[in-house]
Amino acid sequence: LDIRHLTKDQAIAIYHRDYWLPSGCDSIADPDVAGLVFDLAVNCGLGG
């Protein structure tokens, strides 16, 4: 990717595809828990 020219919409699409869905956030009922799990996936990677 051309990181310097990445758009917000492109980043959001990557986050949804590569972090939100693989970390199972869509199946977490509590939106606050889902939000924290998502943020941890982004900041620590899926393994972390």
ModelCIF file with pLDDT and N, C-alpha, C, O atoms, coordinates in Angstrom:
data_MODEL
#
_entry.id   MODEL 
#
_entity.id                         1 
_entity.type                       polymer 
_entity.pdbx_number_of_molecules   1 
#
_entity_poly.entity_id                      1 
_entity_poly.type                           'polypeptide(L)' 
_entity_poly.nstd_linkage                   no 
_entity_poly.nstd_monomer                   no 
_entity_poly.pdbx_seq_one_letter_code       LDIRHLTKDQAIAIYHRDYWLPSGCDSIADPDVAGLVFDLAVNCGLGG 
_entity_poly.pdbx_seq_one_letter_code_can   LDIRHLTKDQAIAIYHRDYWLPSGCDSIADPDVAGLVFDLAVNCGLGG 
_entity_poly.pdbx_strand_id                 A 
#
loop_
_entity_poly_seq.entity_id 
_entity_poly_seq.num 
_entity_poly_seq.mon_id 
_entity_poly_seq.hetero 
1 1  LEU n 
1 2  ASP n 
1 3  ILE n 
1 4  ARG n 
1 5  HIS n 
1 6  LEU n 
1 7  THR n 
1 8  LYS n 
1 9  ASP n 
1 10 GLN n 
1 11 ALA n 
1 12 ILE n 
1 13 ALA n 
1 14 ILE n 
1 15 TYR n 
1 16 HIS n 
1 17 ARG n 
1 18 ASP n 
1 19 TYR n 
1 20 TRP n 
1 21 LEU n 
1 22 PRO n 
1 23 SER n 
1 24 GLY n 
1 25 CYS n 
1 26 ASP n 
1 27 SER n 
1 28 ILE n 
1 29 ALA n 
1 30 ASP n 
1 31 PRO n 
1 32 ASP n 
1 33 VAL n 
1 34 ALA n 
1 35 GLY n 
1 36 LEU n 
1 37 VAL n 
1 38 PHE n 
1 39 ASP n 
1 40 LEU n 
1 41 ALA n 
1 42 VAL n 
1 43 ASN n 
1 44 CYS n 
1 45 GLY n 
1 46 LEU n 
1 47 GLY n 
1 48 GLY n 
#
_struct_asym.id          A 
_struct_asym.entity_id   1 
#
loop_
_ma_qa_metric.id 
_ma_qa_metric.mode 
_ma_qa_metric.name 
_ma_qa_metric.software_group_id 
_ma_qa_metric.type 
1 global pLDDT . pLDDT 
2 local  pLDDT . pLDDT 
#
_ma_qa_metric_global.metric_id      1 
_ma_qa_metric_global.metric_value   96.67 
_ma_qa_metric_global.model_id       1 
_ma_qa_metric_global.ordinal_id     1 
#
loop_
_ma_qa_metric_local.label_asym_id 
_ma_qa_metric_local.label_comp_id 
_ma_qa_metric_local.label_seq_id 
_ma_qa_metric_local.metric_id 
_ma_qa_metric_local.metric_value 
_ma_qa_metric_local.model_id 
_ma_qa_metric_local.ordinal_id 
A LEU 1  2 96.00 1 1  
A ASP 2  2 97.00 1 2  
A ILE 3  2 97.00 1 3  
A ARG 4  2 96.00 1 4  
A HIS 5  2 97.00 1 5  
A LEU 6  2 97.00 1 6  
A THR 7  2 97.00 1 7  
A LYS 8  2 97.00 1 8  
A ASP 9  2 97.00 1 9  
A GLN 10 2 97.00 1 10 
A ALA 11 2 98.00 1 11 
A ILE 12 2 98.00 1 12 
A ALA 13 2 98.00 1 13 
A ILE 14 2 98.00 1 14 
A TYR 15 2 98.00 1 15 
A HIS 16 2 98.00 1 16 
A ARG 17 2 98.00 1 17 
A ASP 18 2 98.00 1 18 
A TYR 19 2 98.00 1 19 
A TRP 20 2 98.00 1 20 
A LEU 21 2 98.00 1 21 
A PRO 22 2 98.00 1 22 
A SER 23 2 97.00 1 23 
A GLY 24 2 97.00 1 24 
A CYS 25 2 97.00 1 25 
A ASP 26 2 95.00 1 26 
A SER 27 2 96.00 1 27 
A ILE 28 2 97.00 1 28 
A ALA 29 2 95.00 1 29 
A ASP 30 2 95.00 1 30 
A PRO 31 2 95.00 1 31 
A ASP 32 2 94.00 1 32 
A VAL 33 2 96.00 1 33 
A ALA 34 2 97.00 1 34 
A GLY 35 2 97.00 1 35 
A LEU 36 2 97.00 1 36 
A VAL 37 2 98.00 1 37 
A PHE 38 2 98.00 1 38 
A ASP 39 2 97.00 1 39 
A LEU 40 2 97.00 1 40 
A ALA 41 2 97.00 1 41 
A VAL 42 2 95.00 1 42 
A ASN 43 2 92.00 1 43 
A CYS 44 2 93.00 1 44 
A GLY 45 2 93.00 1 45 
A LEU 46 2 97.00 1 46 
A GLY 47 2 97.00 1 47 
A GLY 48 2 97.00 1 48 
#
loop_
_atom_site.group_PDB 
_atom_site.id 
_atom_site.type_symbol 
_atom_site.label_atom_id 
_atom_site.label_alt_id 
_atom_site.label_comp_id 
_atom_site.label_asym_id 
_atom_site.label_entity_id 
_atom_site.label_seq_id 
_atom_site.pdbx_PDB_ins_code 
_atom_site.Cartn_x 
_atom_site.Cartn_y 
_atom_site.Cartn_z 
_atom_site.occupancy 
_atom_site.B_iso_or_equiv 
_atom_site.pdbx_formal_charge 
_atom_site.auth_seq_id 
_atom_site.auth_comp_id 
_atom_site.auth_asym_id 
_atom_site.auth_atom_id 
_atom_site.pdbx_PDB_model_num 
ATOM 1   N N  . LEU A 1 1  ? 0.817   -1.216  0.000  1.00 96.00 ? 1  LEU A N  1 
ATOM 2   C CA . LEU A 1 1  ? 0.000   0.000   0.000  1.00 96.00 ? 1  LEU A CA 1 
ATOM 3   C C  . LEU A 1 1  ? 0.850   1.264   0.000  1.00 96.00 ? 1  LEU A C  1 
ATOM 4   O O  . LEU A 1 1  ? 1.946   1.294   0.558  1.00 96.00 ? 1  LEU A O  1 
ATOM 5   N N  . ASP A 1 2  ? 0.325   2.299   -0.633 1.00 97.00 ? 2  ASP A N  1 
ATOM 6   C CA . ASP A 1 2  ? 0.918   3.634   -0.546 1.00 97.00 ? 2  ASP A CA 1 
ATOM 7   C C  . ASP A 1 2  ? 0.366   4.256   0.739  1.00 97.00 ? 2  ASP A C  1 
ATOM 8   O O  . ASP A 1 2  ? -0.679  4.907   0.729  1.00 97.00 ? 2  ASP A O  1 
ATOM 9   N N  . ILE A 1 3  ? 1.079   4.047   1.832  1.00 97.00 ? 3  ILE A N  1 
ATOM 10  C CA . ILE A 1 3  ? 0.602   4.445   3.156  1.00 97.00 ? 3  ILE A CA 1 
ATOM 11  C C  . ILE A 1 3  ? 0.381   5.944   3.247  1.00 97.00 ? 3  ILE A C  1 
ATOM 12  O O  . ILE A 1 3  ? -0.613  6.390   3.820  1.00 97.00 ? 3  ILE A O  1 
ATOM 13  N N  . ARG A 1 4  ? 1.280   6.715   2.698  1.00 96.00 ? 4  ARG A N  1 
ATOM 14  C CA . ARG A 1 4  ? 1.157   8.175   2.774  1.00 96.00 ? 4  ARG A CA 1 
ATOM 15  C C  . ARG A 1 4  ? -0.168  8.665   2.187  1.00 96.00 ? 4  ARG A C  1 
ATOM 16  O O  . ARG A 1 4  ? -0.745  9.631   2.686  1.00 96.00 ? 4  ARG A O  1 
ATOM 17  N N  . HIS A 1 5  ? -0.649  8.012   1.143  1.00 97.00 ? 5  HIS A N  1 
ATOM 18  C CA . HIS A 1 5  ? -1.862  8.462   0.458  1.00 97.00 ? 5  HIS A CA 1 
ATOM 19  C C  . HIS A 1 5  ? -3.097  7.610   0.769  1.00 97.00 ? 5  HIS A C  1 
ATOM 20  O O  . HIS A 1 5  ? -4.122  7.729   0.098  1.00 97.00 ? 5  HIS A O  1 
ATOM 21  N N  . LEU A 1 6  ? -2.995  6.764   1.775  1.00 97.00 ? 6  LEU A N  1 
ATOM 22  C CA . LEU A 1 6  ? -4.129  5.949   2.192  1.00 97.00 ? 6  LEU A CA 1 
ATOM 23  C C  . LEU A 1 6  ? -5.261  6.861   2.657  1.00 97.00 ? 6  LEU A C  1 
ATOM 24  O O  . LEU A 1 6  ? -5.024  7.821   3.389  1.00 97.00 ? 6  LEU A O  1 
ATOM 25  N N  . THR A 1 7  ? -6.473  6.568   2.240  1.00 97.00 ? 7  THR A N  1 
ATOM 26  C CA . THR A 1 7  ? -7.616  7.380   2.668  1.00 97.00 ? 7  THR A CA 1 
ATOM 27  C C  . THR A 1 7  ? -8.252  6.779   3.919  1.00 97.00 ? 7  THR A C  1 
ATOM 28  O O  . THR A 1 7  ? -8.040  5.609   4.237  1.00 97.00 ? 7  THR A O  1 
ATOM 29  N N  . LYS A 1 8  ? -9.011  7.574   4.601  1.00 97.00 ? 8  LYS A N  1 
ATOM 30  C CA . LYS A 1 8  ? -9.724  7.102   5.792  1.00 97.00 ? 8  LYS A CA 1 
ATOM 31  C C  . LYS A 1 8  ? -10.669 5.964   5.422  1.00 97.00 ? 8  LYS A C  1 
ATOM 32  O O  . LYS A 1 8  ? -10.752 4.970   6.144  1.00 97.00 ? 8  LYS A O  1 
ATOM 33  N N  . ASP A 1 9  ? -11.374 6.097   4.315  1.00 97.00 ? 9  ASP A N  1 
ATOM 34  C CA . ASP A 1 9  ? -12.297 5.039   3.891  1.00 97.00 ? 9  ASP A CA 1 
ATOM 35  C C  . ASP A 1 9  ? -11.568 3.735   3.585  1.00 97.00 ? 9  ASP A C  1 
ATOM 36  O O  . ASP A 1 9  ? -12.073 2.655   3.894  1.00 97.00 ? 9  ASP A O  1 
ATOM 37  N N  . GLN A 1 10 ? -10.386 3.826   2.982  1.00 97.00 ? 10 GLN A N  1 
ATOM 38  C CA . GLN A 1 10 ? -9.595  2.618   2.724  1.00 97.00 ? 10 GLN A CA 1 
ATOM 39  C C  . GLN A 1 10 ? -9.160  1.976   4.040  1.00 97.00 ? 10 GLN A C  1 
ATOM 40  O O  . GLN A 1 10 ? -9.204  0.755   4.189  1.00 97.00 ? 10 GLN A O  1 
ATOM 41  N N  . ALA A 1 11 ? -8.739  2.809   4.991  1.00 98.00 ? 11 ALA A N  1 
ATOM 42  C CA . ALA A 1 11 ? -8.325  2.287   6.297  1.00 98.00 ? 11 ALA A CA 1 
ATOM 43  C C  . ALA A 1 11 ? -9.497  1.599   6.992  1.00 98.00 ? 11 ALA A C  1 
ATOM 44  O O  . ALA A 1 11 ? -9.331  0.527   7.573  1.00 98.00 ? 11 ALA A O  1 
ATOM 45  N N  . ILE A 1 12 ? -10.664 2.201   6.936  1.00 98.00 ? 12 ILE A N  1 
ATOM 46  C CA . ILE A 1 12 ? -11.847 1.619   7.570  1.00 98.00 ? 12 ILE A CA 1 
ATOM 47  C C  . ILE A 1 12 ? -12.175 0.267   6.935  1.00 98.00 ? 12 ILE A C  1 
ATOM 48  O O  . ILE A 1 12 ? -12.520 -0.679  7.643  1.00 98.00 ? 12 ILE A O  1 
ATOM 49  N N  . ALA A 1 13 ? -12.071 0.169   5.626  1.00 98.00 ? 13 ALA A N  1 
ATOM 50  C CA . ALA A 1 13 ? -12.339 -1.108  4.946  1.00 98.00 ? 13 ALA A CA 1 
ATOM 51  C C  . ALA A 1 13 ? -11.334 -2.175  5.392  1.00 98.00 ? 13 ALA A C  1 
ATOM 52  O O  . ALA A 1 13 ? -11.710 -3.326  5.611  1.00 98.00 ? 13 ALA A O  1 
ATOM 53  N N  . ILE A 1 14 ? -10.070 -1.800  5.525  1.00 98.00 ? 14 ILE A N  1 
ATOM 54  C CA . ILE A 1 14 ? -9.048  -2.736  5.998  1.00 98.00 ? 14 ILE A CA 1 
ATOM 55  C C  . ILE A 1 14 ? -9.365  -3.167  7.429  1.00 98.00 ? 14 ILE A C  1 
ATOM 56  O O  . ILE A 1 14 ? -9.290  -4.351  7.757  1.00 98.00 ? 14 ILE A O  1 
ATOM 57  N N  . TYR A 1 15 ? -9.713  -2.213  8.266  1.00 98.00 ? 15 TYR A N  1 
ATOM 58  C CA . TYR A 1 15 ? -10.026 -2.537  9.658  1.00 98.00 ? 15 TYR A CA 1 
ATOM 59  C C  . TYR A 1 15 ? -11.190 -3.512  9.756  1.00 98.00 ? 15 TYR A C  1 
ATOM 60  O O  . TYR A 1 15 ? -11.155 -4.447  10.556 1.00 98.00 ? 15 TYR A O  1 
ATOM 61  N N  . HIS A 1 16 ? -12.208 -3.301  8.956  1.00 98.00 ? 16 HIS A N  1 
ATOM 62  C CA . HIS A 1 16 ? -13.367 -4.188  9.003  1.00 98.00 ? 16 HIS A CA 1 
ATOM 63  C C  . HIS A 1 16 ? -12.982 -5.590  8.537  1.00 98.00 ? 16 HIS A C  1 
ATOM 64  O O  . HIS A 1 16 ? -13.274 -6.575  9.215  1.00 98.00 ? 16 HIS A O  1 
ATOM 65  N N  . ARG A 1 17 ? -12.344 -5.676  7.408  1.00 98.00 ? 17 ARG A N  1 
ATOM 66  C CA . ARG A 1 17 ? -11.995 -6.969  6.799  1.00 98.00 ? 17 ARG A CA 1 
ATOM 67  C C  . ARG A 1 17 ? -10.929 -7.728  7.589  1.00 98.00 ? 17 ARG A C  1 
ATOM 68  O O  . ARG A 1 17 ? -11.044 -8.937  7.788  1.00 98.00 ? 17 ARG A O  1 
ATOM 69  N N  . ASP A 1 18 ? -9.885  -7.012  8.042  1.00 98.00 ? 18 ASP A N  1 
ATOM 70  C CA . ASP A 1 18 ? -8.707  -7.689  8.590  1.00 98.00 ? 18 ASP A CA 1 
ATOM 71  C C  . ASP A 1 18 ? -8.634  -7.708  10.111 1.00 98.00 ? 18 ASP A C  1 
ATOM 72  O O  . ASP A 1 18 ? -7.797  -8.414  10.674 1.00 98.00 ? 18 ASP A O  1 
ATOM 73  N N  . TYR A 1 19 ? -9.484  -6.954  10.784 1.00 98.00 ? 19 TYR A N  1 
ATOM 74  C CA . TYR A 1 19 ? -9.423  -6.899  12.252 1.00 98.00 ? 19 TYR A CA 1 
ATOM 75  C C  . TYR A 1 19 ? -10.775 -7.147  12.914 1.00 98.00 ? 19 TYR A C  1 
ATOM 76  O O  . TYR A 1 19 ? -10.871 -7.978  13.818 1.00 98.00 ? 19 TYR A O  1 
ATOM 77  N N  . TRP A 1 20 ? -11.810 -6.450  12.487 1.00 98.00 ? 20 TRP A N  1 
ATOM 78  C CA . TRP A 1 20 ? -13.127 -6.590  13.107 1.00 98.00 ? 20 TRP A CA 1 
ATOM 79  C C  . TRP A 1 20 ? -13.675 -8.001  12.920 1.00 98.00 ? 20 TRP A C  1 
ATOM 80  O O  . TRP A 1 20 ? -14.026 -8.674  13.890 1.00 98.00 ? 20 TRP A O  1 
ATOM 81  N N  . LEU A 1 21 ? -13.744 -8.435  11.685 1.00 98.00 ? 21 LEU A N  1 
ATOM 82  C CA . LEU A 1 21 ? -14.317 -9.759  11.408 1.00 98.00 ? 21 LEU A CA 1 
ATOM 83  C C  . LEU A 1 21 ? -13.442 -10.899 11.948 1.00 98.00 ? 21 LEU A C  1 
ATOM 84  O O  . LEU A 1 21 ? -13.969 -11.779 12.629 1.00 98.00 ? 21 LEU A O  1 
ATOM 85  N N  . PRO A 1 22 ? -12.123 -10.922 11.674 1.00 98.00 ? 22 PRO A N  1 
ATOM 86  C CA . PRO A 1 22 ? -11.303 -12.030 12.175 1.00 98.00 ? 22 PRO A CA 1 
ATOM 87  C C  . PRO A 1 22 ? -11.233 -12.123 13.698 1.00 98.00 ? 22 PRO A C  1 
ATOM 88  O O  . PRO A 1 22 ? -11.035 -13.213 14.234 1.00 98.00 ? 22 PRO A O  1 
ATOM 89  N N  . SER A 1 23 ? -11.391 -11.003 14.405 1.00 97.00 ? 23 SER A N  1 
ATOM 90  C CA . SER A 1 23 ? -11.339 -11.066 15.875 1.00 97.00 ? 23 SER A CA 1 
ATOM 91  C C  . SER A 1 23 ? -12.707 -11.386 16.472 1.00 97.00 ? 23 SER A C  1 
ATOM 92  O O  . SER A 1 23 ? -12.852 -11.438 17.693 1.00 97.00 ? 23 SER A O  1 
ATOM 93  N N  . GLY A 1 24 ? -13.703 -11.599 15.625 1.00 97.00 ? 24 GLY A N  1 
ATOM 94  C CA . GLY A 1 24 ? -15.023 -12.017 16.093 1.00 97.00 ? 24 GLY A CA 1 
ATOM 95  C C  . GLY A 1 24 ? -15.858 -10.923 16.726 1.00 97.00 ? 24 GLY A C  1 
ATOM 96  O O  . GLY A 1 24 ? -16.819 -11.206 17.442 1.00 97.00 ? 24 GLY A O  1 
ATOM 97  N N  . CYS A 1 25 ? -15.501 -9.681  16.469 1.00 97.00 ? 25 CYS A N  1 
ATOM 98  C CA . CYS A 1 25 ? -16.220 -8.570  17.111 1.00 97.00 ? 25 CYS A CA 1 
ATOM 99  C C  . CYS A 1 25 ? -17.680 -8.485  16.690 1.00 97.00 ? 25 CYS A C  1 
ATOM 100 O O  . CYS A 1 25 ? -18.524 -8.010  17.450 1.00 97.00 ? 25 CYS A O  1 
ATOM 101 N N  . ASP A 1 26 ? -17.973 -8.941  15.491 1.00 95.00 ? 26 ASP A N  1 
ATOM 102 C CA . ASP A 1 26 ? -19.360 -8.894  15.032 1.00 95.00 ? 26 ASP A CA 1 
ATOM 103 C C  . ASP A 1 26 ? -20.272 -9.804  15.846 1.00 95.00 ? 26 ASP A C  1 
ATOM 104 O O  . ASP A 1 26 ? -21.488 -9.611  15.859 1.00 95.00 ? 26 ASP A O  1 
ATOM 105 N N  . SER A 1 27 ? -19.694 -10.797 16.527 1.00 96.00 ? 27 SER A N  1 
ATOM 106 C CA . SER A 1 27 ? -20.517 -11.712 17.330 1.00 96.00 ? 27 SER A CA 1 
ATOM 107 C C  . SER A 1 27 ? -20.482 -11.385 18.830 1.00 96.00 ? 27 SER A C  1 
ATOM 108 O O  . SER A 1 27 ? -21.071 -12.108 19.633 1.00 96.00 ? 27 SER A O  1 
ATOM 109 N N  . ILE A 1 28 ? -19.801 -10.308 19.206 1.00 97.00 ? 28 ILE A N  1 
ATOM 110 C CA . ILE A 1 28 ? -19.778 -9.881  20.607 1.00 97.00 ? 28 ILE A CA 1 
ATOM 111 C C  . ILE A 1 28 ? -20.948 -8.940  20.831 1.00 97.00 ? 28 ILE A C  1 
ATOM 112 O O  . ILE A 1 28 ? -21.024 -7.880  20.209 1.00 97.00 ? 28 ILE A O  1 
ATOM 113 N N  . ALA A 1 29 ? -21.861 -9.322  21.719 1.00 95.00 ? 29 ALA A N  1 
ATOM 114 C CA . ALA A 1 29 ? -23.088 -8.543  21.920 1.00 95.00 ? 29 ALA A CA 1 
ATOM 115 C C  . ALA A 1 29 ? -22.835 -7.172  22.529 1.00 95.00 ? 29 ALA A C  1 
ATOM 116 O O  . ALA A 1 29 ? -23.433 -6.186  22.097 1.00 95.00 ? 29 ALA A O  1 
ATOM 117 N N  . ASP A 1 30 ? -21.965 -7.095  23.517 1.00 95.00 ? 30 ASP A N  1 
ATOM 118 C CA . ASP A 1 30 ? -21.706 -5.834  24.212 1.00 95.00 ? 30 ASP A CA 1 
ATOM 119 C C  . ASP A 1 30 ? -20.846 -4.931  23.323 1.00 95.00 ? 30 ASP A C  1 
ATOM 120 O O  . ASP A 1 30 ? -19.706 -5.284  23.022 1.00 95.00 ? 30 ASP A O  1 
ATOM 121 N N  . PRO A 1 31 ? -21.365 -3.776  22.896 1.00 95.00 ? 31 PRO A N  1 
ATOM 122 C CA . PRO A 1 31 ? -20.595 -2.912  21.996 1.00 95.00 ? 31 PRO A CA 1 
ATOM 123 C C  . PRO A 1 31 ? -19.316 -2.367  22.623 1.00 95.00 ? 31 PRO A C  1 
ATOM 124 O O  . PRO A 1 31 ? -18.353 -2.102  21.904 1.00 95.00 ? 31 PRO A O  1 
ATOM 125 N N  . ASP A 1 32 ? -19.281 -2.194  23.938 1.00 94.00 ? 32 ASP A N  1 
ATOM 126 C CA . ASP A 1 32 ? -18.066 -1.707  24.594 1.00 94.00 ? 32 ASP A CA 1 
ATOM 127 C C  . ASP A 1 32 ? -16.981 -2.779  24.605 1.00 94.00 ? 32 ASP A C  1 
ATOM 128 O O  . ASP A 1 32 ? -15.806 -2.479  24.396 1.00 94.00 ? 32 ASP A O  1 
ATOM 129 N N  . VAL A 1 33 ? -17.370 -4.012  24.846 1.00 96.00 ? 33 VAL A N  1 
ATOM 130 C CA . VAL A 1 33 ? -16.418 -5.126  24.794 1.00 96.00 ? 33 VAL A CA 1 
ATOM 131 C C  . VAL A 1 33 ? -15.937 -5.307  23.356 1.00 96.00 ? 33 VAL A C  1 
ATOM 132 O O  . VAL A 1 33 ? -14.741 -5.473  23.118 1.00 96.00 ? 33 VAL A O  1 
ATOM 133 N N  . ALA A 1 34 ? -16.855 -5.275  22.406 1.00 97.00 ? 34 ALA A N  1 
ATOM 134 C CA . ALA A 1 34 ? -16.477 -5.417  20.996 1.00 97.00 ? 34 ALA A CA 1 
ATOM 135 C C  . ALA A 1 34 ? -15.506 -4.312  20.590 1.00 97.00 ? 34 ALA A C  1 
ATOM 136 O O  . ALA A 1 34 ? -14.534 -4.569  19.879 1.00 97.00 ? 34 ALA A O  1 
ATOM 137 N N  . GLY A 1 35 ? -15.763 -3.093  21.037 1.00 97.00 ? 35 GLY A N  1 
ATOM 138 C CA . GLY A 1 35 ? -14.882 -1.974  20.708 1.00 97.00 ? 35 GLY A CA 1 
ATOM 139 C C  . GLY A 1 35 ? -13.495 -2.144  21.284 1.00 97.00 ? 35 GLY A C  1 
ATOM 140 O O  . GLY A 1 35 ? -12.507 -1.843  20.615 1.00 97.00 ? 35 GLY A O  1 
ATOM 141 N N  . LEU A 1 36 ? -13.401 -2.623  22.520 1.00 97.00 ? 36 LEU A N  1 
ATOM 142 C CA . LEU A 1 36 ? -12.095 -2.832  23.134 1.00 97.00 ? 36 LEU A CA 1 
ATOM 143 C C  . LEU A 1 36 ? -11.361 -3.990  22.463 1.00 97.00 ? 36 LEU A C  1 
ATOM 144 O O  . LEU A 1 36 ? -10.165 -3.888  22.191 1.00 97.00 ? 36 LEU A O  1 
ATOM 145 N N  . VAL A 1 37 ? -12.056 -5.074  22.199 1.00 98.00 ? 37 VAL A N  1 
ATOM 146 C CA . VAL A 1 37 ? -11.423 -6.208  21.514 1.00 98.00 ? 37 VAL A CA 1 
ATOM 147 C C  . VAL A 1 37 ? -10.900 -5.754  20.149 1.00 98.00 ? 37 VAL A C  1 
ATOM 148 O O  . VAL A 1 37 ? -9.780  -6.097  19.771 1.00 98.00 ? 37 VAL A O  1 
ATOM 149 N N  . PHE A 1 38 ? -11.689 -5.000  19.422 1.00 98.00 ? 38 PHE A N  1 
ATOM 150 C CA . PHE A 1 38 ? -11.262 -4.491  18.116 1.00 98.00 ? 38 PHE A CA 1 
ATOM 151 C C  . PHE A 1 38 ? -10.009 -3.623  18.254 1.00 98.00 ? 38 PHE A C  1 
ATOM 152 O O  . PHE A 1 38 ? -9.044  -3.788  17.508 1.00 98.00 ? 38 PHE A O  1 
ATOM 153 N N  . ASP A 1 39 ? -10.037 -2.709  19.206 1.00 97.00 ? 39 ASP A N  1 
ATOM 154 C CA . ASP A 1 39 ? -8.887  -1.820  19.392 1.00 97.00 ? 39 ASP A CA 1 
ATOM 155 C C  . ASP A 1 39 ? -7.641  -2.612  19.774 1.00 97.00 ? 39 ASP A C  1 
ATOM 156 O O  . ASP A 1 39 ? -6.540  -2.291  19.327 1.00 97.00 ? 39 ASP A O  1 
ATOM 157 N N  . LEU A 1 40 ? -7.807  -3.629  20.588 1.00 97.00 ? 40 LEU A N  1 
ATOM 158 C CA . LEU A 1 40 ? -6.676  -4.482  20.946 1.00 97.00 ? 40 LEU A CA 1 
ATOM 159 C C  . LEU A 1 40 ? -6.158  -5.251  19.729 1.00 97.00 ? 40 LEU A C  1 
ATOM 160 O O  . LEU A 1 40 ? -4.950  -5.427  19.573 1.00 97.00 ? 40 LEU A O  1 
ATOM 161 N N  . ALA A 1 41 ? -7.064  -5.706  18.873 1.00 97.00 ? 41 ALA A N  1 
ATOM 162 C CA . ALA A 1 41 ? -6.644  -6.407  17.652 1.00 97.00 ? 41 ALA A CA 1 
ATOM 163 C C  . ALA A 1 41 ? -5.831  -5.476  16.761 1.00 97.00 ? 41 ALA A C  1 
ATOM 164 O O  . ALA A 1 41 ? -4.824  -5.881  16.180 1.00 97.00 ? 41 ALA A O  1 
ATOM 165 N N  . VAL A 1 42 ? -6.272  -4.236  16.659 1.00 95.00 ? 42 VAL A N  1 
ATOM 166 C CA . VAL A 1 42 ? -5.554  -3.259  15.847 1.00 95.00 ? 42 VAL A CA 1 
ATOM 167 C C  . VAL A 1 42 ? -4.192  -2.954  16.460 1.00 95.00 ? 42 VAL A C  1 
ATOM 168 O O  . VAL A 1 42 ? -3.183  -2.938  15.754 1.00 95.00 ? 42 VAL A O  1 
ATOM 169 N N  . ASN A 1 43 ? -4.158  -2.715  17.742 1.00 92.00 ? 43 ASN A N  1 
ATOM 170 C CA . ASN A 1 43 ? -2.921  -2.267  18.392 1.00 92.00 ? 43 ASN A CA 1 
ATOM 171 C C  . ASN A 1 43 ? -1.941  -3.408  18.659 1.00 92.00 ? 43 ASN A C  1 
ATOM 172 O O  . ASN A 1 43 ? -0.730  -3.192  18.637 1.00 92.00 ? 43 ASN A O  1 
ATOM 173 N N  . CYS A 1 44 ? -2.439  -4.606  18.908 1.00 93.00 ? 44 CYS A N  1 
ATOM 174 C CA . CYS A 1 44 ? -1.574  -5.737  19.276 1.00 93.00 ? 44 CYS A CA 1 
ATOM 175 C C  . CYS A 1 44 ? -1.500  -6.811  18.206 1.00 93.00 ? 44 CYS A C  1 
ATOM 176 O O  . CYS A 1 44 ? -0.717  -7.754  18.324 1.00 93.00 ? 44 CYS A O  1 
ATOM 177 N N  . GLY A 1 45 ? -2.295  -6.680  17.181 1.00 93.00 ? 45 GLY A N  1 
ATOM 178 C CA . GLY A 1 45 ? -2.404  -7.736  16.186 1.00 93.00 ? 45 GLY A CA 1 
ATOM 179 C C  . GLY A 1 45 ? -3.403  -8.787  16.649 1.00 93.00 ? 45 GLY A C  1 
ATOM 180 O O  . GLY A 1 45 ? -3.759  -8.839  17.827 1.00 93.00 ? 45 GLY A O  1 
ATOM 181 N N  . LEU A 1 46 ? -3.846  -9.609  15.736 1.00 97.00 ? 46 LEU A N  1 
ATOM 182 C CA . LEU A 1 46 ? -4.847  -10.624 16.072 1.00 97.00 ? 46 LEU A CA 1 
ATOM 183 C C  . LEU A 1 46 ? -4.312  -11.626 17.089 1.00 97.00 ? 46 LEU A C  1 
ATOM 184 O O  . LEU A 1 46 ? -5.041  -12.051 17.985 1.00 97.00 ? 46 LEU A O  1 
ATOM 185 N N  . GLY A 1 47 ? -3.049  -12.002 16.954 1.00 97.00 ? 47 GLY A N  1 
ATOM 186 C CA . GLY A 1 47 ? -2.457  -12.950 17.903 1.00 97.00 ? 47 GLY A CA 1 
ATOM 187 C C  . GLY A 1 47 ? -2.360  -12.369 19.297 1.00 97.00 ? 47 GLY A C  1 
ATOM 188 O O  . GLY A 1 47 ? -2.699  -13.035 20.275 1.00 97.00 ? 47 GLY A O  1 
ATOM 189 N N  . GLY A 1 48 ? -1.898  -11.130 19.395 1.00 97.00 ? 48 GLY A N  1 
ATOM 190 C CA . GLY A 1 48 ? -1.811  -10.465 20.695 1.00 97.00 ? 48 GLY A CA 1 
ATOM 191 C C  . GLY A 1 48 ? -3.175  -10.305 21.332 1.00 97.00 ? 48 GLY A C  1 
ATOM 192 O O  . GLY A 1 48 ? -3.283  -9.763  22.432 1.00 97.00 ? 48 GLY A O  1 
#
